[in-house]
Amino acid sequence: MSEIYGYEARVQLSFTSSMKIASIICCTFAIVVTIFLRTIVITTTEPGVSESTLNTWMAGYMLIGFFLASFISSAISFPIYSFICSKQKGQRVTGRFAVLVSSSNKSLKQDK
């Protein structure tokens, strides 16, 4: 199996690939927002509030809630992404890419 390298490509992700990327972004978003809100709550909460209840609510429900909300939002927006990519023959992206070429696939499919 050989590889062809490039730094610019047009791609259209499958639903699974898109959701893998989205899960990393959603998890990071949930953690950052939960930590940010937890910091605000620590500095502004009155002393009479139960800290263990607050920690459970903030860490559990908010973290999971933010993750699920952004993950579901990513899944719902996939058909729009797919429609736009099909009209533009893929989304133009830059980075480092390797196209894997196996001996059973002698030529790459080309759109004309």
PDB file of N, CA and C in Angstrom:
ATOM      1  N   MET A   1       0.850  -1.173   0.000  1.00  0.00           N
ATOM      2  CA  MET A   1       0.000   0.000   0.000  1.00  0.00           C
ATOM      3  C   MET A   1       0.897   1.237   0.000  1.00  0.00           C
ATOM      4  N   SER A   2       0.615   2.170  -0.887  1.00  0.00           N
ATOM      5  CA  SER A   2       1.403   3.393  -0.952  1.00  0.00           C
ATOM      6  C   SER A   2       0.539   4.583  -0.575  1.00  0.00           C
ATOM      7  N   GLU A   3       1.188   5.719  -0.352  1.00  0.00           N
ATOM      8  CA  GLU A   3       0.489   6.927   0.053  1.00  0.00           C
ATOM      9  C   GLU A   3       0.869   8.080  -0.865  1.00  0.00           C
ATOM     10  N   ILE A   4      -0.101   8.929  -1.142  1.00  0.00           N
ATOM     11  CA  ILE A   4       0.125  10.160  -1.886  1.00  0.00           C
ATOM     12  C   ILE A   4      -0.179  11.298  -0.919  1.00  0.00           C
ATOM     13  N   TYR A   5       0.803  12.191  -0.689  1.00  0.00           N
ATOM     14  CA  TYR A   5       0.629  13.279   0.276  1.00  0.00           C
ATOM     15  C   TYR A   5       0.232  14.572  -0.409  1.00  0.00           C
ATOM     16  N   GLY A   6      -0.534  15.378   0.316  1.00  0.00           N
ATOM     17  CA  GLY A   6      -0.932  16.685  -0.162  1.00  0.00           C
ATOM     18  C   GLY A   6      -1.271  17.574   1.020  1.00  0.00           C
ATOM     19  N   TYR A   7      -1.415  18.867   0.765  1.00  0.00           N
ATOM     20  CA  TYR A   7      -1.703  19.829   1.830  1.00  0.00           C
ATOM     21  C   TYR A   7      -3.027  20.558   1.619  1.00  0.00           C
ATOM     22  N   GLU A   8      -3.711  20.230   0.558  1.00  0.00           N
ATOM     23  CA  GLU A   8      -5.012  20.829   0.296  1.00  0.00           C
ATOM     24  C   GLU A   8      -5.873  19.755  -0.354  1.00  0.00           C
ATOM     25  N   ALA A   9      -7.131  19.691   0.050  1.00  0.00           N
ATOM     26  CA  ALA A   9      -8.007  18.652  -0.485  1.00  0.00           C
ATOM     27  C   ALA A   9      -9.454  19.115  -0.430  1.00  0.00           C
ATOM     28  N   ARG A  10     -10.270  18.447  -1.207  1.00  0.00           N
ATOM     29  CA  ARG A  10     -11.715  18.605  -1.091  1.00  0.00           C
ATOM     30  C   ARG A  10     -12.236  17.297  -0.515  1.00  0.00           C
ATOM     31  N   VAL A  11     -12.958  17.397   0.571  1.00  0.00           N
ATOM     32  CA  VAL A  11     -13.455  16.197   1.236  1.00  0.00           C
ATOM     33  C   VAL A  11     -14.932  16.356   1.589  1.00  0.00           C
ATOM     34  N   GLN A  12     -15.588  15.236   1.739  1.00  0.00           N
ATOM     35  CA  GLN A  12     -16.931  15.197   2.292  1.00  0.00           C
ATOM     36  C   GLN A  12     -16.945  14.045   3.273  1.00  0.00           C
ATOM     37  N   LEU A  13     -17.034  14.377   4.557  1.00  0.00           N
ATOM     38  CA  LEU A  13     -16.984  13.370   5.601  1.00  0.00           C
ATOM     39  C   LEU A  13     -18.259  12.543   5.633  1.00  0.00           C
ATOM     40  N   SER A  14     -18.119  11.286   6.024  1.00  0.00           N
ATOM     41  CA  SER A  14     -19.288  10.453   6.268  1.00  0.00           C
ATOM     42  C   SER A  14     -19.887  10.872   7.609  1.00  0.00           C
ATOM     43  N   PHE A  15     -21.079  10.408   7.897  1.00  0.00           N
ATOM     44  CA  PHE A  15     -21.727  10.751   9.160  1.00  0.00           C
ATOM     45  C   PHE A  15     -20.871  10.289  10.339  1.00  0.00           C
ATOM     46  N   THR A  16     -20.323   9.083  10.256  1.00  0.00           N
ATOM     47  CA  THR A  16     -19.506   8.539  11.349  1.00  0.00           C
ATOM     48  C   THR A  16     -18.256   9.384  11.576  1.00  0.00           C
ATOM     49  N   SER A  17     -17.559   9.736  10.506  1.00  0.00           N
ATOM     50  CA  SER A  17     -16.347  10.553  10.643  1.00  0.00           C
ATOM     51  C   SER A  17     -16.675  11.932  11.189  1.00  0.00           C
ATOM     52  N   SER A  18     -17.755  12.503  10.696  1.00  0.00           N
ATOM     53  CA  SER A  18     -18.170  13.816  11.180  1.00  0.00           C
ATOM     54  C   SER A  18     -18.493  13.783  12.670  1.00  0.00           C
ATOM     55  N   MET A  19     -19.171  12.737  13.118  1.00  0.00           N
ATOM     56  CA  MET A  19     -19.545  12.634  14.523  1.00  0.00           C
ATOM     57  C   MET A  19     -18.338  12.332  15.417  1.00  0.00           C
ATOM     58  N   LYS A  20     -17.316  11.658  14.887  1.00  0.00           N
ATOM     59  CA  LYS A  20     -16.086  11.441  15.653  1.00  0.00           C
ATOM     60  C   LYS A  20     -15.403  12.778  15.948  1.00  0.00           C
ATOM     61  N   ILE A  21     -15.312  13.625  14.929  1.00  0.00           N
ATOM     62  CA  ILE A  21     -14.720  14.952  15.114  1.00  0.00           C
ATOM     63  C   ILE A  21     -15.593  15.782  16.034  1.00  0.00           C
ATOM     64  N   ALA A  22     -16.905  15.729  15.818  1.00  0.00           N
ATOM     65  CA  ALA A  22     -17.841  16.502  16.642  1.00  0.00           C
ATOM     66  C   ALA A  22     -17.773  16.079  18.105  1.00  0.00           C
ATOM     67  N   SER A  23     -17.583  14.792  18.372  1.00  0.00           N
ATOM     68  CA  SER A  23     -17.535  14.337  19.768  1.00  0.00           C
ATOM     69  C   SER A  23     -16.344  14.923  20.507  1.00  0.00           C
ATOM     70  N   ILE A  24     -15.212  15.069  19.836  1.00  0.00           N
ATOM     71  CA  ILE A  24     -14.041  15.691  20.463  1.00  0.00           C
ATOM     72  C   ILE A  24     -14.330  17.165  20.752  1.00  0.00           C
ATOM     73  N   ILE A  25     -14.902  17.858  19.771  1.00  0.00           N
ATOM     74  CA  ILE A  25     -15.226  19.275  19.944  1.00  0.00           C
ATOM     75  C   ILE A  25     -16.288  19.454  21.025  1.00  0.00           C
ATOM     76  N   CYS A  26     -17.322  18.618  21.028  1.00  0.00           N
ATOM     77  CA  CYS A  26     -18.409  18.719  22.013  1.00  0.00           C
ATOM     78  C   CYS A  26     -17.906  18.444  23.427  1.00  0.00           C
ATOM     79  N   CYS A  27     -17.038  17.453  23.566  1.00  0.00           N
ATOM     80  CA  CYS A  27     -16.487  17.124  24.881  1.00  0.00           C
ATOM     81  C   CYS A  27     -15.643  18.280  25.404  1.00  0.00           C
ATOM     82  N   THR A  28     -14.792  18.834  24.552  1.00  0.00           N
ATOM     83  CA  THR A  28     -13.956  19.968  24.949  1.00  0.00           C
ATOM     84  C   THR A  28     -14.819  21.170  25.319  1.00  0.00           C
ATOM     85  N   PHE A  29     -15.844  21.450  24.521  1.00  0.00           N
ATOM     86  CA  PHE A  29     -16.758  22.554  24.805  1.00  0.00           C
ATOM     87  C   PHE A  29     -17.435  22.355  26.157  1.00  0.00           C
ATOM     88  N   ALA A  30     -17.934  21.144  26.404  1.00  0.00           N
ATOM     89  CA  ALA A  30     -18.627  20.861  27.665  1.00  0.00           C
ATOM     90  C   ALA A  30     -17.707  21.053  28.863  1.00  0.00           C
ATOM     91  N   ILE A  31     -16.477  20.585  28.756  1.00  0.00           N
ATOM     92  CA  ILE A  31     -15.525  20.718  29.871  1.00  0.00           C
ATOM     93  C   ILE A  31     -15.183  22.186  30.122  1.00  0.00           C
ATOM     94  N   VAL A  32     -14.875  22.923  29.056  1.00  0.00           N
ATOM     95  CA  VAL A  32     -14.490  24.331  29.210  1.00  0.00           C
ATOM     96  C   VAL A  32     -15.635  25.162  29.785  1.00  0.00           C
ATOM     97  N   VAL A  33     -16.844  24.990  29.266  1.00  0.00           N
ATOM     98  CA  VAL A  33     -17.977  25.770  29.747  1.00  0.00           C
ATOM     99  C   VAL A  33     -18.325  25.401  31.188  1.00  0.00           C
ATOM    100  N   THR A  34     -18.259  24.118  31.526  1.00  0.00           N
ATOM    101  CA  THR A  34     -18.549  23.689  32.896  1.00  0.00           C
ATOM    102  C   THR A  34     -17.537  24.273  33.874  1.00  0.00           C
ATOM    103  N   ILE A  35     -16.258  24.242  33.523  1.00  0.00           N
ATOM    104  CA  ILE A  35     -15.228  24.816  34.393  1.00  0.00           C
ATOM    105  C   ILE A  35     -15.431  26.326  34.526  1.00  0.00           C
ATOM    106  N   PHE A  36     -15.732  26.997  33.429  1.00  0.00           N
ATOM    107  CA  PHE A  36     -15.962  28.435  33.445  1.00  0.00           C
ATOM    108  C   PHE A  36     -17.152  28.784  34.348  1.00  0.00           C
ATOM    109  N   LEU A  37     -18.267  28.096  34.160  1.00  0.00           N
ATOM    110  CA  LEU A  37     -19.445  28.378  34.979  1.00  0.00           C
ATOM    111  C   LEU A  37     -19.221  27.995  36.441  1.00  0.00           C
ATOM    112  N   ARG A  38     -18.501  26.924  36.670  1.00  0.00           N
ATOM    113  CA  ARG A  38     -18.199  26.508  38.046  1.00  0.00           C
ATOM    114  C   ARG A  38     -17.361  27.586  38.740  1.00  0.00           C
ATOM    115  N   THR A  39     -16.409  28.170  38.036  1.00  0.00           N
ATOM    116  CA  THR A  39     -15.594  29.244  38.596  1.00  0.00           C
ATOM    117  C   THR A  39     -16.448  30.453  38.943  1.00  0.00           C
ATOM    118  N   ILE A  40     -17.366  30.802  38.067  1.00  0.00           N
ATOM    119  CA  ILE A  40     -18.261  31.923  38.346  1.00  0.00           C
ATOM    120  C   ILE A  40     -19.138  31.633  39.561  1.00  0.00           C
ATOM    121  N   VAL A  41     -19.671  30.413  39.636  1.00  0.00           N
ATOM    122  CA  VAL A  41     -20.558  30.049  40.750  1.00  0.00           C
ATOM    123  C   VAL A  41     -19.800  30.042  42.077  1.00  0.00           C
ATOM    124  N   ILE A  42     -18.556  29.565  42.082  1.00  0.00           N
ATOM    125  CA  ILE A  42     -17.759  29.535  43.317  1.00  0.00           C
ATOM    126  C   ILE A  42     -17.571  30.954  43.857  1.00  0.00           C
ATOM    127  N   THR A  43     -17.321  31.889  42.959  1.00  0.00           N
ATOM    128  CA  THR A  43     -17.045  33.258  43.411  1.00  0.00           C
ATOM    129  C   THR A  43     -18.298  34.038  43.782  1.00  0.00           C
ATOM    130  N   THR A  44     -19.474  33.613  43.305  1.00  0.00           N
ATOM    131  CA  THR A  44     -20.686  34.393  43.558  1.00  0.00           C
ATOM    132  C   THR A  44     -21.718  33.694  44.435  1.00  0.00           C
ATOM    133  N   THR A  45     -21.481  32.453  44.845  1.00  0.00           N
ATOM    134  CA  THR A  45     -22.457  31.704  45.630  1.00  0.00           C
ATOM    135  C   THR A  45     -22.438  32.140  47.091  1.00  0.00           C
ATOM    136  N   GLU A  46     -23.613  32.191  47.648  1.00  0.00           N
ATOM    137  CA  GLU A  46     -23.733  32.515  49.071  1.00  0.00           C
ATOM    138  C   GLU A  46     -23.246  31.341  49.915  1.00  0.00           C
ATOM    139  N   PRO A  47     -22.740  31.591  51.118  1.00  0.00           N
ATOM    140  CA  PRO A  47     -22.186  30.533  51.962  1.00  0.00           C
ATOM    141  C   PRO A  47     -23.194  29.444  52.364  1.00  0.00           C
ATOM    142  N   GLY A  48     -24.493  29.706  52.349  1.00  0.00           N
ATOM    143  CA  GLY A  48     -25.484  28.735  52.793  1.00  0.00           C
ATOM    144  C   GLY A  48     -25.798  27.635  51.800  1.00  0.00           C
ATOM    145  N   VAL A  49     -25.309  27.711  50.578  1.00  0.00           N
ATOM    146  CA  VAL A  49     -25.602  26.720  49.552  1.00  0.00           C
ATOM    147  C   VAL A  49     -24.745  25.478  49.775  1.00  0.00           C
ATOM    148  N   SER A  50     -25.360  24.290  49.666  1.00  0.00           N
ATOM    149  CA  SER A  50     -24.644  23.026  49.848  1.00  0.00           C
ATOM    150  C   SER A  50     -23.655  22.825  48.702  1.00  0.00           C
ATOM    151  N   GLU A  51     -22.375  22.775  49.048  1.00  0.00           N
ATOM    152  CA  GLU A  51     -21.348  22.667  48.011  1.00  0.00           C
ATOM    153  C   GLU A  51     -21.353  21.304  47.331  1.00  0.00           C
ATOM    154  N   SER A  52     -21.670  20.236  48.071  1.00  0.00           N
ATOM    155  CA  SER A  52     -21.687  18.910  47.446  1.00  0.00           C
ATOM    156  C   SER A  52     -22.808  18.803  46.407  1.00  0.00           C
ATOM    157  N   THR A  53     -23.970  19.364  46.710  1.00  0.00           N
ATOM    158  CA  THR A  53     -25.075  19.373  45.747  1.00  0.00           C
ATOM    159  C   THR A  53     -24.706  20.209  44.531  1.00  0.00           C
ATOM    160  N   LEU A  54     -24.089  21.337  44.773  1.00  0.00           N
ATOM    161  CA  LEU A  54     -23.669  22.218  43.696  1.00  0.00           C
ATOM    162  C   LEU A  54     -22.629  21.539  42.808  1.00  0.00           C
ATOM    163  N   ASN A  55     -21.665  20.858  43.418  1.00  0.00           N
ATOM    164  CA  ASN A  55     -20.643  20.148  42.646  1.00  0.00           C
ATOM    165  C   ASN A  55     -21.256  19.052  41.792  1.00  0.00           C
ATOM    166  N   THR A  56     -22.192  18.298  42.369  1.00  0.00           N
ATOM    167  CA  THR A  56     -22.854  17.231  41.623  1.00  0.00           C
ATOM    168  C   THR A  56     -23.620  17.810  40.445  1.00  0.00           C
ATOM    169  N   TRP A  57     -24.362  18.865  40.695  1.00  0.00           N
ATOM    170  CA  TRP A  57     -25.160  19.481  39.650  1.00  0.00           C
ATOM    171  C   TRP A  57     -24.275  20.044  38.542  1.00  0.00           C
ATOM    172  N   MET A  58     -23.243  20.773  38.929  1.00  0.00           N
ATOM    173  CA  MET A  58     -22.362  21.399  37.942  1.00  0.00           C
ATOM    174  C   MET A  58     -21.571  20.358  37.151  1.00  0.00           C
ATOM    175  N   ALA A  59     -20.932  19.452  37.837  1.00  0.00           N
ATOM    176  CA  ALA A  59     -20.054  18.496  37.163  1.00  0.00           C
ATOM    177  C   ALA A  59     -20.847  17.467  36.368  1.00  0.00           C
ATOM    178  N   GLY A  60     -21.910  16.970  36.950  1.00  0.00           N
ATOM    179  CA  GLY A  60     -22.674  15.920  36.287  1.00  0.00           C
ATOM    180  C   GLY A  60     -23.634  16.422  35.242  1.00  0.00           C
ATOM    181  N   TYR A  61     -24.654  17.118  35.695  1.00  0.00           N
ATOM    182  CA  TYR A  61     -25.735  17.509  34.801  1.00  0.00           C
ATOM    183  C   TYR A  61     -25.304  18.514  33.739  1.00  0.00           C
ATOM    184  N   MET A  62     -24.523  19.498  34.118  1.00  0.00           N
ATOM    185  CA  MET A  62     -24.118  20.505  33.139  1.00  0.00           C
ATOM    186  C   MET A  62     -23.145  19.923  32.122  1.00  0.00           C
ATOM    187  N   LEU A  63     -22.163  19.143  32.587  1.00  0.00           N
ATOM    188  CA  LEU A  63     -21.190  18.548  31.671  1.00  0.00           C
ATOM    189  C   LEU A  63     -21.894  17.649  30.665  1.00  0.00           C
ATOM    190  N   ILE A  64     -22.745  16.775  31.157  1.00  0.00           N
ATOM    191  CA  ILE A  64     -23.474  15.862  30.273  1.00  0.00           C
ATOM    192  C   ILE A  64     -24.452  16.647  29.401  1.00  0.00           C
ATOM    193  N   GLY A  65     -25.126  17.627  29.983  1.00  0.00           N
ATOM    194  CA  GLY A  65     -26.082  18.428  29.226  1.00  0.00           C
ATOM    195  C   GLY A  65     -25.439  19.198  28.093  1.00  0.00           C
ATOM    196  N   PHE A  66     -24.323  19.862  28.363  1.00  0.00           N
ATOM    197  CA  PHE A  66     -23.630  20.602  27.312  1.00  0.00           C
ATOM    198  C   PHE A  66     -23.125  19.657  26.224  1.00  0.00           C
ATOM    199  N   PHE A  67     -22.577  18.512  26.636  1.00  0.00           N
ATOM    200  CA  PHE A  67     -22.089  17.548  25.651  1.00  0.00           C
ATOM    201  C   PHE A  67     -23.228  17.049  24.774  1.00  0.00           C
ATOM    202  N   LEU A  68     -24.320  16.608  25.397  1.00  0.00           N
ATOM    203  CA  LEU A  68     -25.442  16.074  24.623  1.00  0.00           C
ATOM    204  C   LEU A  68     -26.065  17.128  23.706  1.00  0.00           C
ATOM    205  N   ALA A  69     -26.232  18.337  24.213  1.00  0.00           N
ATOM    206  CA  ALA A  69     -26.834  19.391  23.398  1.00  0.00           C
ATOM    207  C   ALA A  69     -25.984  19.687  22.164  1.00  0.00           C
ATOM    208  N   SER A  70     -24.682  19.812  22.333  1.00  0.00           N
ATOM    209  CA  SER A  70     -23.831  20.112  21.190  1.00  0.00           C
ATOM    210  C   SER A  70     -23.671  18.901  20.270  1.00  0.00           C
ATOM    211  N   PHE A  71     -23.676  17.690  20.818  1.00  0.00           N
ATOM    212  CA  PHE A  71     -23.566  16.475  20.007  1.00  0.00           C
ATOM    213  C   PHE A  71     -24.818  16.285  19.154  1.00  0.00           C
ATOM    214  N   ILE A  72     -25.986  16.471  19.750  1.00  0.00           N
ATOM    215  CA  ILE A  72     -27.250  16.352  19.011  1.00  0.00           C
ATOM    216  C   ILE A  72     -27.332  17.441  17.950  1.00  0.00           C
ATOM    217  N   SER A  73     -26.890  18.624  18.291  1.00  0.00           N
ATOM    218  CA  SER A  73     -26.860  19.730  17.336  1.00  0.00           C
ATOM    219  C   SER A  73     -25.967  19.391  16.143  1.00  0.00           C
ATOM    220  N   SER A  74     -24.840  18.752  16.388  1.00  0.00           N
ATOM    221  CA  SER A  74     -23.945  18.339  15.304  1.00  0.00           C
ATOM    222  C   SER A  74     -24.606  17.292  14.413  1.00  0.00           C
ATOM    223  N   ALA A  75     -25.314  16.360  15.025  1.00  0.00           N
ATOM    224  CA  ALA A  75     -26.001  15.315  14.251  1.00  0.00           C
ATOM    225  C   ALA A  75     -27.121  15.907  13.398  1.00  0.00           C
ATOM    226  N   ILE A  76     -27.851  16.864  13.956  1.00  0.00           N
ATOM    227  CA  ILE A  76     -28.946  17.496  13.220  1.00  0.00           C
ATOM    228  C   ILE A  76     -28.418  18.331  12.052  1.00  0.00           C
ATOM    229  N   SER A  77     -27.263  18.959  12.239  1.00  0.00           N
ATOM    230  CA  SER A  77     -26.717  19.811  11.178  1.00  0.00           C
ATOM    231  C   SER A  77     -25.994  19.025  10.084  1.00  0.00           C
ATOM    232  N   PHE A  78     -25.772  17.713  10.259  1.00  0.00           N
ATOM    233  CA  PHE A  78     -25.054  16.928   9.255  1.00  0.00           C
ATOM    234  C   PHE A  78     -25.733  16.934   7.883  1.00  0.00           C
ATOM    235  N   PRO A  79     -27.053  16.803   7.786  1.00  0.00           N
ATOM    236  CA  PRO A  79     -27.671  16.848   6.452  1.00  0.00           C
ATOM    237  C   PRO A  79     -27.408  18.171   5.716  1.00  0.00           C
ATOM    238  N   ILE A  80     -27.341  19.275   6.431  1.00  0.00           N
ATOM    239  CA  ILE A  80     -27.037  20.560   5.806  1.00  0.00           C
ATOM    240  C   ILE A  80     -25.599  20.553   5.292  1.00  0.00           C
ATOM    241  N   TYR A  81     -24.676  20.065   6.120  1.00  0.00           N
ATOM    242  CA  TYR A  81     -23.269  19.935   5.724  1.00  0.00           C
ATOM    243  C   TYR A  81     -23.152  19.049   4.485  1.00  0.00           C
ATOM    244  N   SER A  82     -23.843  17.930   4.495  1.00  0.00           N
ATOM    245  CA  SER A  82     -23.798  16.988   3.380  1.00  0.00           C
ATOM    246  C   SER A  82     -24.348  17.615   2.099  1.00  0.00           C
ATOM    247  N   PHE A  83     -25.437  18.359   2.212  1.00  0.00           N
ATOM    248  CA  PHE A  83     -26.037  19.020   1.056  1.00  0.00           C
ATOM    249  C   PHE A  83     -25.079  20.051   0.460  1.00  0.00           C
ATOM    250  N   ILE A  84     -24.475  20.871   1.312  1.00  0.00           N
ATOM    251  CA  ILE A  84     -23.533  21.895   0.843  1.00  0.00           C
ATOM    252  C   ILE A  84     -22.326  21.247   0.172  1.00  0.00           C
ATOM    253  N   CYS A  85     -21.794  20.189   0.785  1.00  0.00           N
ATOM    254  CA  CYS A  85     -20.632  19.507   0.200  1.00  0.00           C
ATOM    255  C   CYS A  85     -20.961  18.864  -1.146  1.00  0.00           C
ATOM    256  N   SER A  86     -22.159  18.305  -1.280  1.00  0.00           N
ATOM    257  CA  SER A  86     -22.515  17.677  -2.555  1.00  0.00           C
ATOM    258  C   SER A  86     -22.658  18.720  -3.658  1.00  0.00           C
ATOM    259  N   LYS A  87     -23.094  19.921  -3.326  1.00  0.00           N
ATOM    260  CA  LYS A  87     -23.212  20.991  -4.324  1.00  0.00           C
ATOM    261  C   LYS A  87     -21.834  21.519  -4.729  1.00  0.00           C
ATOM    262  N   GLN A  88     -20.870  21.529  -3.803  1.00  0.00           N
ATOM    263  CA  GLN A  88     -19.541  22.085  -4.066  1.00  0.00           C
ATOM    264  C   GLN A  88     -18.508  21.004  -4.379  1.00  0.00           C
ATOM    265  N   LYS A  89     -18.941  19.763  -4.536  1.00  0.00           N
ATOM    266  CA  LYS A  89     -18.046  18.618  -4.749  1.00  0.00           C
ATOM    267  C   LYS A  89     -17.037  18.500  -3.612  1.00  0.00           C
ATOM    268  N   GLY A  90     -17.497  18.657  -2.394  1.00  0.00           N
ATOM    269  CA  GLY A  90     -16.650  18.528  -1.217  1.00  0.00           C
ATOM    270  C   GLY A  90     -16.327  19.872  -0.595  1.00  0.00           C
ATOM    271  N   GLN A  91     -15.832  19.804   0.619  1.00  0.00           N
ATOM    272  CA  GLN A  91     -15.444  20.999   1.355  1.00  0.00           C
ATOM    273  C   GLN A  91     -13.933  21.161   1.217  1.00  0.00           C
ATOM    274  N   ARG A  92     -13.477  22.352   0.842  1.00  0.00           N
ATOM    275  CA  ARG A  92     -12.041  22.605   0.688  1.00  0.00           C
ATOM    276  C   ARG A  92     -11.420  22.748   2.074  1.00  0.00           C
ATOM    277  N   VAL A  93     -10.436  21.918   2.360  1.00  0.00           N
ATOM    278  CA  VAL A  93      -9.746  21.948   3.643  1.00  0.00           C
ATOM    279  C   VAL A  93      -8.242  21.944   3.395  1.00  0.00           C
ATOM    280  N   THR A  94      -7.504  22.469   4.375  1.00  0.00           N
ATOM    281  CA  THR A  94      -6.050  22.449   4.290  1.00  0.00           C
ATOM    282  C   THR A  94      -5.501  21.719   5.500  1.00  0.00           C
ATOM    283  N   GLY A  95      -4.315  21.217   5.375  1.00  0.00           N
ATOM    284  CA  GLY A  95      -3.681  20.443   6.438  1.00  0.00           C
ATOM    285  C   GLY A  95      -2.726  19.457   5.803  1.00  0.00           C
ATOM    286  N   ARG A  96      -2.483  18.374   6.458  1.00  0.00           N
ATOM    287  CA  ARG A  96      -1.617  17.333   5.908  1.00  0.00           C
ATOM    288  C   ARG A  96      -2.473  16.103   5.664  1.00  0.00           C
ATOM    289  N   PHE A  97      -2.524  15.635   4.443  1.00  0.00           N
ATOM    290  CA  PHE A  97      -3.375  14.523   4.059  1.00  0.00           C
ATOM    291  C   PHE A  97      -2.560  13.440   3.375  1.00  0.00           C
ATOM    292  N   ALA A  98      -2.925  12.203   3.608  1.00  0.00           N
ATOM    293  CA  ALA A  98      -2.330  11.070   2.917  1.00  0.00           C
ATOM    294  C   ALA A  98      -3.458  10.247   2.325  1.00  0.00           C
ATOM    295  N   VAL A  99      -3.458  10.104   1.015  1.00  0.00           N
ATOM    296  CA  VAL A  99      -4.430   9.251   0.344  1.00  0.00           C
ATOM    297  C   VAL A  99      -3.798   7.872   0.235  1.00  0.00           C
ATOM    298  N   LEU A 100      -4.465   6.881   0.795  1.00  0.00           N
ATOM    299  CA  LEU A 100      -3.946   5.526   0.764  1.00  0.00           C
ATOM    300  C   LEU A 100      -4.361   4.865  -0.543  1.00  0.00           C
ATOM    301  N   VAL A 101      -3.382   4.348  -1.283  1.00  0.00           N
ATOM    302  CA  VAL A 101      -3.645   3.701  -2.557  1.00  0.00           C
ATOM    303  C   VAL A 101      -3.199   2.249  -2.437  1.00  0.00           C
ATOM    304  N   SER A 102      -4.157   1.350  -2.526  1.00  0.00           N
ATOM    305  CA  SER A 102      -3.820  -0.076  -2.424  1.00  0.00           C
ATOM    306  C   SER A 102      -3.633  -0.649  -3.825  1.00  0.00           C
ATOM    307  N   SER A 103      -3.021  -1.795  -3.901  1.00  0.00           N
ATOM    308  CA  SER A 103      -2.766  -2.417  -5.198  1.00  0.00           C
ATOM    309  C   SER A 103      -4.064  -2.870  -5.864  1.00  0.00           C
ATOM    310  N   SER A 104      -5.124  -3.122  -5.074  1.00  0.00           N
ATOM    311  CA  SER A 104      -6.404  -3.535  -5.654  1.00  0.00           C
ATOM    312  C   SER A 104      -7.157  -2.354  -6.246  1.00  0.00           C
ATOM    313  N   ASN A 105      -6.812  -1.141  -5.829  1.00  0.00           N
ATOM    314  CA  ASN A 105      -7.456   0.075  -6.335  1.00  0.00           C
ATOM    315  C   ASN A 105      -6.424   0.838  -7.161  1.00  0.00           C
ATOM    316  N   LYS A 106      -6.263   0.435  -8.429  1.00  0.00           N
ATOM    317  CA  LYS A 106      -5.199   0.986  -9.278  1.00  0.00           C
ATOM    318  C   LYS A 106      -5.380   2.455  -9.605  1.00  0.00           C
ATOM    319  N   SER A 107      -6.624   2.918  -9.729  1.00  0.00           N
ATOM    320  CA  SER A 107      -6.833   4.325 -10.054  1.00  0.00           C
ATOM    321  C   SER A 107      -7.791   4.950  -9.056  1.00  0.00           C
ATOM    322  N   LEU A 108      -7.600   6.237  -8.840  1.00  0.00           N
ATOM    323  CA  LEU A 108      -8.481   6.966  -7.943  1.00  0.00           C
ATOM    324  C   LEU A 108      -9.698   7.442  -8.720  1.00  0.00           C
ATOM    325  N   LYS A 109     -10.852   7.422  -8.088  1.00  0.00           N
ATOM    326  CA  LYS A 109     -12.071   7.906  -8.714  1.00  0.00           C
ATOM    327  C   LYS A 109     -11.977   9.410  -8.894  1.00  0.00           C
ATOM    328  N   GLN A 110     -12.272   9.898 -10.089  1.00  0.00           N
ATOM    329  CA  GLN A 110     -12.194  11.330 -10.350  1.00  0.00           C
ATOM    330  C   GLN A 110     -13.561  11.844 -10.758  1.00  0.00           C
ATOM    331  N   ASP A 111     -13.961  12.995 -10.177  1.00  0.00           N
ATOM    332  CA  ASP A 111     -15.198  13.659 -10.580  1.00  0.00           C
ATOM    333  C   ASP A 111     -14.900  14.577 -11.744  1.00  0.00           C
ATOM    334  N   LYS A 112     -15.767  14.585 -12.714  1.00  0.00           N
ATOM    335  CA  LYS A 112     -15.567  15.486 -13.868  1.00  0.00           C
ATOM    336  C   LYS A 112     -16.717  16.427 -13.986  1.00  0.00           C
TER     337      LYS A 112
END
